[in-house]
Amino acid sequence: AGAVVFLGVCAIAATGTLTPVDSLRGYADPIVWLVLCAFFIA
């Protein structure tokens, strides 16, 4: 599933559907980092 979503993000940026900055903006979302850190605590 991770690889599928990665390809989806690539497709959005490569087709110009969103700009590269907008395509990758989800990785700057604090909630995404919350989940990542919670896994480290686990």
PDB file of all heavy atoms in Angstrom:
ATOM      1  N   ALA A   1       0.819  -1.209   0.000  1.00  0.00           N
ATOM      2  CA  ALA A   1       0.000   0.000   0.000  1.00  0.00           C
ATOM      3  C   ALA A   1       0.855   1.262   0.000  1.00  0.00           C
ATOM      4  O   ALA A   1       0.510   2.255  -0.635  1.00  0.00           O
ATOM      5  CB  ALA A   1      -0.928   0.000   1.207  1.00  0.00           C
ATOM      6  N   GLY A   2       1.976   1.230   0.721  1.00  0.00           N
ATOM      7  CA  GLY A   2       2.860   2.388   0.737  1.00  0.00           C
ATOM      8  C   GLY A   2       3.400   2.703  -0.646  1.00  0.00           C
ATOM      9  O   GLY A   2       3.470   3.865  -1.061  1.00  0.00           O
ATOM     10  N   ALA A   3       3.775   1.662  -1.391  1.00  0.00           N
ATOM     11  CA  ALA A   3       4.304   1.855  -2.742  1.00  0.00           C
ATOM     12  C   ALA A   3       3.216   2.384  -3.673  1.00  0.00           C
ATOM     13  O   ALA A   3       3.472   3.231  -4.531  1.00  0.00           O
ATOM     14  CB  ALA A   3       4.866   0.541  -3.274  1.00  0.00           C
ATOM     15  N   VAL A   4       1.987   1.899  -3.509  1.00  0.00           N
ATOM     16  CA  VAL A   4       0.882   2.358  -4.348  1.00  0.00           C
ATOM     17  C   VAL A   4       0.630   3.849  -4.136  1.00  0.00           C
ATOM     18  O   VAL A   4       0.467   4.613  -5.096  1.00  0.00           O
ATOM     19  CB  VAL A   4      -0.395   1.551  -4.048  1.00  0.00           C
ATOM     20  CG1 VAL A   4      -1.606   2.184  -4.725  1.00  0.00           C
ATOM     21  CG2 VAL A   4      -0.232   0.106  -4.518  1.00  0.00           C
ATOM     22  N   VAL A   5       0.614   4.277  -2.864  1.00  0.00           N
ATOM     23  CA  VAL A   5       0.392   5.695  -2.577  1.00  0.00           C
ATOM     24  C   VAL A   5       1.557   6.535  -3.096  1.00  0.00           C
ATOM     25  O   VAL A   5       1.349   7.633  -3.638  1.00  0.00           O
ATOM     26  CB  VAL A   5       0.184   5.920  -1.067  1.00  0.00           C
ATOM     27  CG1 VAL A   5       0.103   7.406  -0.742  1.00  0.00           C
ATOM     28  CG2 VAL A   5      -1.084   5.220  -0.593  1.00  0.00           C
ATOM     29  N   PHE A   6       2.769   6.031  -2.953  1.00  0.00           N
ATOM     30  CA  PHE A   6       3.942   6.740  -3.480  1.00  0.00           C
ATOM     31  C   PHE A   6       3.786   6.963  -4.982  1.00  0.00           C
ATOM     32  O   PHE A   6       4.055   8.063  -5.496  1.00  0.00           O
ATOM     33  CB  PHE A   6       5.208   5.928  -3.187  1.00  0.00           C
ATOM     34  CG  PHE A   6       6.473   6.536  -3.716  1.00  0.00           C
ATOM     35  CD1 PHE A   6       7.122   7.540  -3.015  1.00  0.00           C
ATOM     36  CD2 PHE A   6       7.012   6.111  -4.918  1.00  0.00           C
ATOM     37  CE1 PHE A   6       8.291   8.112  -3.513  1.00  0.00           C
ATOM     38  CE2 PHE A   6       8.179   6.671  -5.423  1.00  0.00           C
ATOM     39  CZ  PHE A   6       8.825   7.679  -4.708  1.00  0.00           C
ATOM     40  N   LEU A   7       3.353   5.944  -5.705  1.00  0.00           N
ATOM     41  CA  LEU A   7       3.151   6.095  -7.146  1.00  0.00           C
ATOM     42  C   LEU A   7       2.036   7.088  -7.440  1.00  0.00           C
ATOM     43  O   LEU A   7       2.101   7.839  -8.421  1.00  0.00           O
ATOM     44  CB  LEU A   7       2.822   4.727  -7.759  1.00  0.00           C
ATOM     45  CG  LEU A   7       3.952   3.689  -7.733  1.00  0.00           C
ATOM     46  CD1 LEU A   7       3.462   2.358  -8.289  1.00  0.00           C
ATOM     47  CD2 LEU A   7       5.159   4.178  -8.533  1.00  0.00           C
ATOM     48  N   GLY A   8       0.998   7.100  -6.590  1.00  0.00           N
ATOM     49  CA  GLY A   8      -0.073   8.067  -6.771  1.00  0.00           C
ATOM     50  C   GLY A   8       0.417   9.495  -6.614  1.00  0.00           C
ATOM     51  O   GLY A   8       0.057  10.385  -7.398  1.00  0.00           O
ATOM     52  N   VAL A   9       1.265   9.743  -5.602  1.00  0.00           N
ATOM     53  CA  VAL A   9       1.843  11.071  -5.397  1.00  0.00           C
ATOM     54  C   VAL A   9       2.710  11.453  -6.600  1.00  0.00           C
ATOM     55  O   VAL A   9       2.661  12.597  -7.096  1.00  0.00           O
ATOM     56  CB  VAL A   9       2.675  11.103  -4.094  1.00  0.00           C
ATOM     57  CG1 VAL A   9       3.434  12.423  -3.972  1.00  0.00           C
ATOM     58  CG2 VAL A   9       1.772  10.903  -2.881  1.00  0.00           C
ATOM     59  N   CYS A  10       3.497  10.497  -7.099  1.00  0.00           N
ATOM     60  CA  CYS A  10       4.331  10.759  -8.280  1.00  0.00           C
ATOM     61  C   CYS A  10       3.468  11.124  -9.486  1.00  0.00           C
ATOM     62  O   CYS A  10       3.798  12.046 -10.246  1.00  0.00           O
ATOM     63  CB  CYS A  10       5.171   9.530  -8.607  1.00  0.00           C
ATOM     64  SG  CYS A  10       6.482   9.172  -7.414  1.00  0.00           S
ATOM     65  N   ALA A  11       2.351  10.405  -9.652  1.00  0.00           N
ATOM     66  CA  ALA A  11       1.474  10.668 -10.795  1.00  0.00           C
ATOM     67  C   ALA A  11       0.869  12.065 -10.721  1.00  0.00           C
ATOM     68  O   ALA A  11       0.760  12.756 -11.736  1.00  0.00           O
ATOM     69  CB  ALA A  11       0.364   9.611 -10.844  1.00  0.00           C
ATOM     70  N   ILE A  12       0.491  12.493  -9.536  1.00  0.00           N
ATOM     71  CA  ILE A  12      -0.086  13.830  -9.372  1.00  0.00           C
ATOM     72  C   ILE A  12       0.914  14.912  -9.745  1.00  0.00           C
ATOM     73  O   ILE A  12       0.575  15.899 -10.409  1.00  0.00           O
ATOM     74  CB  ILE A  12      -0.576  14.015  -7.919  1.00  0.00           C
ATOM     75  CG1 ILE A  12      -1.827  13.171  -7.679  1.00  0.00           C
ATOM     76  CG2 ILE A  12      -0.882  15.478  -7.626  1.00  0.00           C
ATOM     77  CD1 ILE A  12      -2.267  13.152  -6.240  1.00  0.00           C
ATOM     78  N   ALA A  13       2.167  14.723  -9.306  1.00  0.00           N
ATOM     79  CA  ALA A  13       3.197  15.718  -9.615  1.00  0.00           C
ATOM     80  C   ALA A  13       3.615  15.648 -11.080  1.00  0.00           C
ATOM     81  O   ALA A  13       3.773  16.682 -11.747  1.00  0.00           O
ATOM     82  CB  ALA A  13       4.408  15.503  -8.705  1.00  0.00           C
ATOM     83  N   ALA A  14       3.797  14.434 -11.616  1.00  0.00           N
ATOM     84  CA  ALA A  14       4.299  14.266 -12.980  1.00  0.00           C
ATOM     85  C   ALA A  14       3.306  14.752 -14.027  1.00  0.00           C
ATOM     86  O   ALA A  14       3.709  15.243 -15.093  1.00  0.00           O
ATOM     87  CB  ALA A  14       4.642  12.801 -13.229  1.00  0.00           C
ATOM     88  N   THR A  15       2.017  14.633 -13.751  1.00  0.00           N
ATOM     89  CA  THR A  15       0.998  15.070 -14.714  1.00  0.00           C
ATOM     90  C   THR A  15       0.651  16.543 -14.570  1.00  0.00           C
ATOM     91  O   THR A  15      -0.176  17.057 -15.338  1.00  0.00           O
ATOM     92  CB  THR A  15      -0.298  14.241 -14.533  1.00  0.00           C
ATOM     93  OG1 THR A  15      -0.770  14.391 -13.181  1.00  0.00           O
ATOM     94  CG2 THR A  15      -0.047  12.766 -14.832  1.00  0.00           C
ATOM     95  N   GLY A  16       1.261  17.208 -13.593  1.00  0.00           N
ATOM     96  CA  GLY A  16       0.977  18.615 -13.386  1.00  0.00           C
ATOM     97  C   GLY A  16      -0.371  18.863 -12.739  1.00  0.00           C
ATOM     98  O   GLY A  16      -0.859  20.005 -12.728  1.00  0.00           O
ATOM     99  N   THR A  17      -0.979  17.817 -12.198  1.00  0.00           N
ATOM    100  CA  THR A  17      -2.265  17.977 -11.521  1.00  0.00           C
ATOM    101  C   THR A  17      -2.113  18.902 -10.325  1.00  0.00           C
ATOM    102  O   THR A  17      -2.964  19.755 -10.060  1.00  0.00           O
ATOM    103  CB  THR A  17      -2.793  16.604 -11.071  1.00  0.00           C
ATOM    104  OG1 THR A  17      -2.895  15.746 -12.217  1.00  0.00           O
ATOM    105  CG2 THR A  17      -4.152  16.725 -10.401  1.00  0.00           C
ATOM    106  N   LEU A  18      -1.033  18.735  -9.592  1.00  0.00           N
ATOM    107  CA  LEU A  18      -0.628  19.650  -8.534  1.00  0.00           C
ATOM    108  C   LEU A  18       0.834  19.989  -8.730  1.00  0.00           C
ATOM    109  O   LEU A  18       1.585  19.214  -9.339  1.00  0.00           O
ATOM    110  CB  LEU A  18      -0.832  19.016  -7.151  1.00  0.00           C
ATOM    111  CG  LEU A  18      -2.260  18.691  -6.707  1.00  0.00           C
ATOM    112  CD1 LEU A  18      -2.222  17.969  -5.349  1.00  0.00           C
ATOM    113  CD2 LEU A  18      -3.109  19.945  -6.603  1.00  0.00           C
ATOM    114  N   THR A  19       1.263  21.118  -8.216  1.00  0.00           N
ATOM    115  CA  THR A  19       2.673  21.458  -8.277  1.00  0.00           C
ATOM    116  C   THR A  19       3.460  20.503  -7.383  1.00  0.00           C
ATOM    117  O   THR A  19       2.892  19.862  -6.481  1.00  0.00           O
ATOM    118  CB  THR A  19       2.913  22.895  -7.801  1.00  0.00           C
ATOM    119  OG1 THR A  19       2.597  22.986  -6.402  1.00  0.00           O
ATOM    120  CG2 THR A  19       2.052  23.883  -8.579  1.00  0.00           C
ATOM    121  N   PRO A  20       4.768  20.376  -7.600  1.00  0.00           N
ATOM    122  CA  PRO A  20       5.563  19.507  -6.718  1.00  0.00           C
ATOM    123  C   PRO A  20       5.426  19.864  -5.243  1.00  0.00           C
ATOM    124  O   PRO A  20       5.337  18.978  -4.392  1.00  0.00           O
ATOM    125  CB  PRO A  20       6.995  19.734  -7.222  1.00  0.00           C
ATOM    126  CG  PRO A  20       6.833  20.090  -8.665  1.00  0.00           C
ATOM    127  CD  PRO A  20       5.560  20.885  -8.729  1.00  0.00           C
ATOM    128  N   VAL A  21       5.400  21.171  -4.948  1.00  0.00           N
ATOM    129  CA  VAL A  21       5.263  21.595  -3.548  1.00  0.00           C
ATOM    130  C   VAL A  21       3.920  21.142  -2.984  1.00  0.00           C
ATOM    131  O   VAL A  21       3.840  20.602  -1.880  1.00  0.00           O
ATOM    132  CB  VAL A  21       5.413  23.126  -3.432  1.00  0.00           C
ATOM    133  CG1 VAL A  21       5.064  23.585  -2.013  1.00  0.00           C
ATOM    134  CG2 VAL A  21       6.830  23.545  -3.791  1.00  0.00           C
ATOM    135  N   ASP A  22       2.846  21.349  -3.769  1.00  0.00           N
ATOM    136  CA  ASP A  22       1.521  20.937  -3.305  1.00  0.00           C
ATOM    137  C   ASP A  22       1.403  19.423  -3.217  1.00  0.00           C
ATOM    138  O   ASP A  22       0.730  18.889  -2.332  1.00  0.00           O
ATOM    139  CB  ASP A  22       0.445  21.486  -4.241  1.00  0.00           C
ATOM    140  CG  ASP A  22       0.169  22.957  -4.000  1.00  0.00           C
ATOM    141  OD1 ASP A  22       0.509  23.435  -2.894  1.00  0.00           O
ATOM    142  OD2 ASP A  22      -0.365  23.623  -4.898  1.00  0.00           O
ATOM    143  N   SER A  23       2.032  18.705  -4.133  1.00  0.00           N
ATOM    144  CA  SER A  23       1.960  17.245  -4.139  1.00  0.00           C
ATOM    145  C   SER A  23       2.565  16.647  -2.870  1.00  0.00           C
ATOM    146  O   SER A  23       2.085  15.632  -2.360  1.00  0.00           O
ATOM    147  CB  SER A  23       2.679  16.677  -5.364  1.00  0.00           C
ATOM    148  OG  SER A  23       2.098  17.147  -6.562  1.00  0.00           O
ATOM    149  N   LEU A  24       3.633  17.280  -2.377  1.00  0.00           N
ATOM    150  CA  LEU A  24       4.366  16.737  -1.229  1.00  0.00           C
ATOM    151  C   LEU A  24       3.982  17.384   0.093  1.00  0.00           C
ATOM    152  O   LEU A  24       4.565  17.065   1.130  1.00  0.00           O
ATOM    153  CB  LEU A  24       5.867  16.919  -1.467  1.00  0.00           C
ATOM    154  CG  LEU A  24       6.438  16.203  -2.697  1.00  0.00           C
ATOM    155  CD1 LEU A  24       7.887  16.615  -2.934  1.00  0.00           C
ATOM    156  CD2 LEU A  24       6.340  14.698  -2.545  1.00  0.00           C
ATOM    157  N   ARG A  25       3.006  18.262   0.072  1.00  0.00           N
ATOM    158  CA  ARG A  25       2.668  19.021   1.273  1.00  0.00           C
ATOM    159  C   ARG A  25       2.164  18.127   2.407  1.00  0.00           C
ATOM    160  O   ARG A  25       2.297  18.457   3.582  1.00  0.00           O
ATOM    161  CB  ARG A  25       1.626  20.086   0.926  1.00  0.00           C
ATOM    162  CG  ARG A  25       1.301  21.033   2.070  1.00  0.00           C
ATOM    163  CD  ARG A  25       0.510  22.215   1.566  1.00  0.00           C
ATOM    164  NE  ARG A  25       1.331  23.061   0.699  1.00  0.00           N
ATOM    165  CZ  ARG A  25       0.847  24.003  -0.097  1.00  0.00           C
ATOM    166  NH1 ARG A  25      -0.458  24.205  -0.160  1.00  0.00           N
ATOM    167  NH2 ARG A  25       1.655  24.730  -0.847  1.00  0.00           N
ATOM    168  N   GLY A  26       1.599  16.988   2.084  1.00  0.00           N
ATOM    169  CA  GLY A  26       1.096  16.098   3.125  1.00  0.00           C
ATOM    170  C   GLY A  26       2.177  15.630   4.088  1.00  0.00           C
ATOM    171  O   GLY A  26       1.894  15.355   5.261  1.00  0.00           O
ATOM    172  N   TYR A  27       3.408  15.566   3.614  1.00  0.00           N
ATOM    173  CA  TYR A  27       4.497  15.083   4.471  1.00  0.00           C
ATOM    174  C   TYR A  27       4.963  16.130   5.475  1.00  0.00           C
ATOM    175  O   TYR A  27       5.776  15.831   6.347  1.00  0.00           O
ATOM    176  CB  TYR A  27       5.666  14.596   3.602  1.00  0.00           C
ATOM    177  CG  TYR A  27       5.248  13.443   2.728  1.00  0.00           C
ATOM    178  CD1 TYR A  27       5.034  13.623   1.360  1.00  0.00           C
ATOM    179  CD2 TYR A  27       5.005  12.189   3.275  1.00  0.00           C
ATOM    180  CE1 TYR A  27       4.612  12.573   0.560  1.00  0.00           C
ATOM    181  CE2 TYR A  27       4.585  11.129   2.475  1.00  0.00           C
ATOM    182  CZ  TYR A  27       4.392  11.338   1.126  1.00  0.00           C
ATOM    183  OH  TYR A  27       3.961  10.290   0.343  1.00  0.00           O
ATOM    184  N   ALA A  28       4.444  17.344   5.355  1.00  0.00           N
ATOM    185  CA  ALA A  28       4.733  18.387   6.343  1.00  0.00           C
ATOM    186  C   ALA A  28       3.600  18.545   7.343  1.00  0.00           C
ATOM    187  O   ALA A  28       3.692  19.363   8.257  1.00  0.00           O
ATOM    188  CB  ALA A  28       4.987  19.724   5.630  1.00  0.00           C
ATOM    189  N   ASP A  29       2.546  17.752   7.188  1.00  0.00           N
ATOM    190  CA  ASP A  29       1.404  17.846   8.093  1.00  0.00           C
ATOM    191  C   ASP A  29       1.797  17.325   9.477  1.00  0.00           C
ATOM    192  O   ASP A  29       2.316  16.207   9.601  1.00  0.00           O
ATOM    193  CB  ASP A  29       0.241  17.021   7.535  1.00  0.00           C
ATOM    194  CG  ASP A  29      -1.074  17.317   8.236  1.00  0.00           C
ATOM    195  OD1 ASP A  29      -1.114  17.241   9.481  1.00  0.00           O
ATOM    196  OD2 ASP A  29      -2.056  17.627   7.537  1.00  0.00           O
ATOM    197  N   PRO A  30       1.555  18.098  10.547  1.00  0.00           N
ATOM    198  CA  PRO A  30       1.924  17.640  11.900  1.00  0.00           C
ATOM    199  C   PRO A  30       1.282  16.319  12.298  1.00  0.00           C
ATOM    200  O   PRO A  30       1.874  15.529  13.041  1.00  0.00           O
ATOM    201  CB  PRO A  30       1.428  18.784  12.799  1.00  0.00           C
ATOM    202  CG  PRO A  30       1.379  19.987  11.919  1.00  0.00           C
ATOM    203  CD  PRO A  30       1.014  19.473  10.560  1.00  0.00           C
ATOM    204  N   ILE A  31       0.076  16.052  11.789  1.00  0.00           N
ATOM    205  CA  ILE A  31      -0.610  14.814  12.135  1.00  0.00           C
ATOM    206  C   ILE A  31       0.160  13.607  11.602  1.00  0.00           C
ATOM    207  O   ILE A  31       0.232  12.552  12.238  1.00  0.00           O
ATOM    208  CB  ILE A  31      -2.049  14.815  11.583  1.00  0.00           C
ATOM    209  CG1 ILE A  31      -2.864  15.927  12.246  1.00  0.00           C
ATOM    210  CG2 ILE A  31      -2.720  13.479  11.816  1.00  0.00           C
ATOM    211  CD1 ILE A  31      -2.998  15.774  13.743  1.00  0.00           C
ATOM    212  N   VAL A  32       0.754  13.752  10.428  1.00  0.00           N
ATOM    213  CA  VAL A  32       1.559  12.666   9.854  1.00  0.00           C
ATOM    214  C   VAL A  32       2.761  12.376  10.757  1.00  0.00           C
ATOM    215  O   VAL A  32       3.115  11.211  11.003  1.00  0.00           O
ATOM    216  CB  VAL A  32       2.015  13.030   8.428  1.00  0.00           C
ATOM    217  CG1 VAL A  32       2.910  11.940   7.848  1.00  0.00           C
ATOM    218  CG2 VAL A  32       0.797  13.256   7.528  1.00  0.00           C
ATOM    219  N   TRP A  33       3.365  13.412  11.298  1.00  0.00           N
ATOM    220  CA  TRP A  33       4.506  13.238  12.203  1.00  0.00           C
ATOM    221  C   TRP A  33       4.062  12.688  13.550  1.00  0.00           C
ATOM    222  O   TRP A  33       4.814  11.955  14.209  1.00  0.00           O
ATOM    223  CB  TRP A  33       5.250  14.567  12.364  1.00  0.00           C
ATOM    224  CG  TRP A  33       6.101  14.845  11.167  1.00  0.00           C
ATOM    225  CD1 TRP A  33       5.740  15.503  10.031  1.00  0.00           C
ATOM    226  CD2 TRP A  33       7.453  14.421  10.979  1.00  0.00           C
ATOM    227  NE1 TRP A  33       6.776  15.532   9.145  1.00  0.00           N
ATOM    228  CE2 TRP A  33       7.853  14.885   9.700  1.00  0.00           C
ATOM    229  CE3 TRP A  33       8.360  13.721  11.752  1.00  0.00           C
ATOM    230  CZ2 TRP A  33       9.113  14.638   9.185  1.00  0.00           C
ATOM    231  CZ3 TRP A  33       9.635  13.474  11.248  1.00  0.00           C
ATOM    232  CH2 TRP A  33       9.998  13.929   9.986  1.00  0.00           C
ATOM    233  N   LEU A  34       2.846  13.014  13.954  1.00  0.00           N
ATOM    234  CA  LEU A  34       2.311  12.425  15.180  1.00  0.00           C
ATOM    235  C   LEU A  34       2.255  10.902  15.063  1.00  0.00           C
ATOM    236  O   LEU A  34       2.704  10.169  15.954  1.00  0.00           O
ATOM    237  CB  LEU A  34       0.907  12.978  15.452  1.00  0.00           C
ATOM    238  CG  LEU A  34       0.015  12.185  16.414  1.00  0.00           C
ATOM    239  CD1 LEU A  34       0.607  12.177  17.816  1.00  0.00           C
ATOM    240  CD2 LEU A  34      -1.397  12.746  16.431  1.00  0.00           C
ATOM    241  N   VAL A  35       1.726  10.428  13.957  1.00  0.00           N
ATOM    242  CA  VAL A  35       1.618   8.981  13.751  1.00  0.00           C
ATOM    243  C   VAL A  35       3.000   8.342  13.691  1.00  0.00           C
ATOM    244  O   VAL A  35       3.244   7.283  14.288  1.00  0.00           O
ATOM    245  CB  VAL A  35       0.822   8.686  12.463  1.00  0.00           C
ATOM    246  CG1 VAL A  35       0.790   7.185  12.182  1.00  0.00           C
ATOM    247  CG2 VAL A  35      -0.598   9.223  12.579  1.00  0.00           C
ATOM    248  N   LEU A  36       3.917   8.976  12.978  1.00  0.00           N
ATOM    249  CA  LEU A  36       5.276   8.438  12.865  1.00  0.00           C
ATOM    250  C   LEU A  36       5.925   8.313  14.234  1.00  0.00           C
ATOM    251  O   LEU A  36       6.489   7.257  14.588  1.00  0.00           O
ATOM    252  CB  LEU A  36       6.115   9.354  11.961  1.00  0.00           C
ATOM    253  CG  LEU A  36       7.572   8.933  11.725  1.00  0.00           C
ATOM    254  CD1 LEU A  36       7.628   7.625  10.931  1.00  0.00           C
ATOM    255  CD2 LEU A  36       8.342  10.035  10.994  1.00  0.00           C
ATOM    256  N   CYS A  37       5.842   9.361  15.038  1.00  0.00           N
ATOM    257  CA  CYS A  37       6.460   9.340  16.364  1.00  0.00           C
ATOM    258  C   CYS A  37       5.781   8.339  17.292  1.00  0.00           C
ATOM    259  O   CYS A  37       6.440   7.703  18.123  1.00  0.00           O
ATOM    260  CB  CYS A  37       6.420  10.743  16.983  1.00  0.00           C
ATOM    261  SG  CYS A  37       7.525  11.926  16.188  1.00  0.00           S
ATOM    262  N   ALA A  38       4.463   8.195  17.152  1.00  0.00           N
ATOM    263  CA  ALA A  38       3.754   7.230  17.985  1.00  0.00           C
ATOM    264  C   ALA A  38       4.222   5.811  17.689  1.00  0.00           C
ATOM    265  O   ALA A  38       4.302   4.969  18.588  1.00  0.00           O
ATOM    266  CB  ALA A  38       2.252   7.355  17.767  1.00  0.00           C
ATOM    267  N   PHE A  39       4.568   5.540  16.437  1.00  0.00           N
ATOM    268  CA  PHE A  39       5.131   4.230  16.103  1.00  0.00           C
ATOM    269  C   PHE A  39       6.496   4.032  16.767  1.00  0.00           C
ATOM    270  O   PHE A  39       6.830   2.926  17.206  1.00  0.00           O
ATOM    271  CB  PHE A  39       5.249   4.082  14.586  1.00  0.00           C
ATOM    272  CG  PHE A  39       4.060   3.439  13.943  1.00  0.00           C
ATOM    273  CD1 PHE A  39       2.938   4.190  13.628  1.00  0.00           C
ATOM    274  CD2 PHE A  39       4.042   2.083  13.665  1.00  0.00           C
ATOM    275  CE1 PHE A  39       1.829   3.614  13.039  1.00  0.00           C
ATOM    276  CE2 PHE A  39       2.937   1.486  13.083  1.00  0.00           C
ATOM    277  CZ  PHE A  39       1.826   2.249  12.764  1.00  0.00           C
ATOM    278  N   PHE A  40       7.276   5.096  16.840  1.00  0.00           N
ATOM    279  CA  PHE A  40       8.577   4.984  17.511  1.00  0.00           C
ATOM    280  C   PHE A  40       8.394   4.717  19.010  1.00  0.00           C
ATOM    281  O   PHE A  40       9.146   3.953  19.612  1.00  0.00           O
ATOM    282  CB  PHE A  40       9.389   6.257  17.298  1.00  0.00           C
ATOM    283  CG  PHE A  40       9.752   6.521  15.856  1.00  0.00           C
ATOM    284  CD1 PHE A  40       9.929   7.823  15.394  1.00  0.00           C
ATOM    285  CD2 PHE A  40       9.903   5.478  14.965  1.00  0.00           C
ATOM    286  CE1 PHE A  40      10.257   8.067  14.072  1.00  0.00           C
ATOM    287  CE2 PHE A  40      10.231   5.715  13.628  1.00  0.00           C
ATOM    288  CZ  PHE A  40      10.403   7.014  13.186  1.00  0.00           C
ATOM    289  N   ILE A  41       7.394   5.367  19.601  1.00  0.00           N
ATOM    290  CA  ILE A  41       7.097   5.112  21.019  1.00  0.00           C
ATOM    291  C   ILE A  41       6.660   3.660  21.203  1.00  0.00           C
ATOM    292  O   ILE A  41       7.041   2.997  22.181  1.00  0.00           O
ATOM    293  CB  ILE A  41       6.011   6.084  21.517  1.00  0.00           C
ATOM    294  CG1 ILE A  41       6.559   7.525  21.522  1.00  0.00           C
ATOM    295  CG2 ILE A  41       5.535   5.705  22.916  1.00  0.00           C
ATOM    296  CD1 ILE A  41       5.526   8.590  21.832  1.00  0.00           C
ATOM    297  N   ALA A  42       5.878   3.147  20.246  1.00  0.00           N
ATOM    298  CA  ALA A  42       5.472   1.740  20.306  1.00  0.00           C
ATOM    299  C   ALA A  42       6.689   0.828  20.262  1.00  0.00           C
ATOM    300  O   ALA A  42       6.722  -0.214  20.930  1.00  0.00           O
ATOM    301  CB  ALA A  42       4.534   1.426  19.139  1.00  0.00           C
TER     302      ALA A  42
END
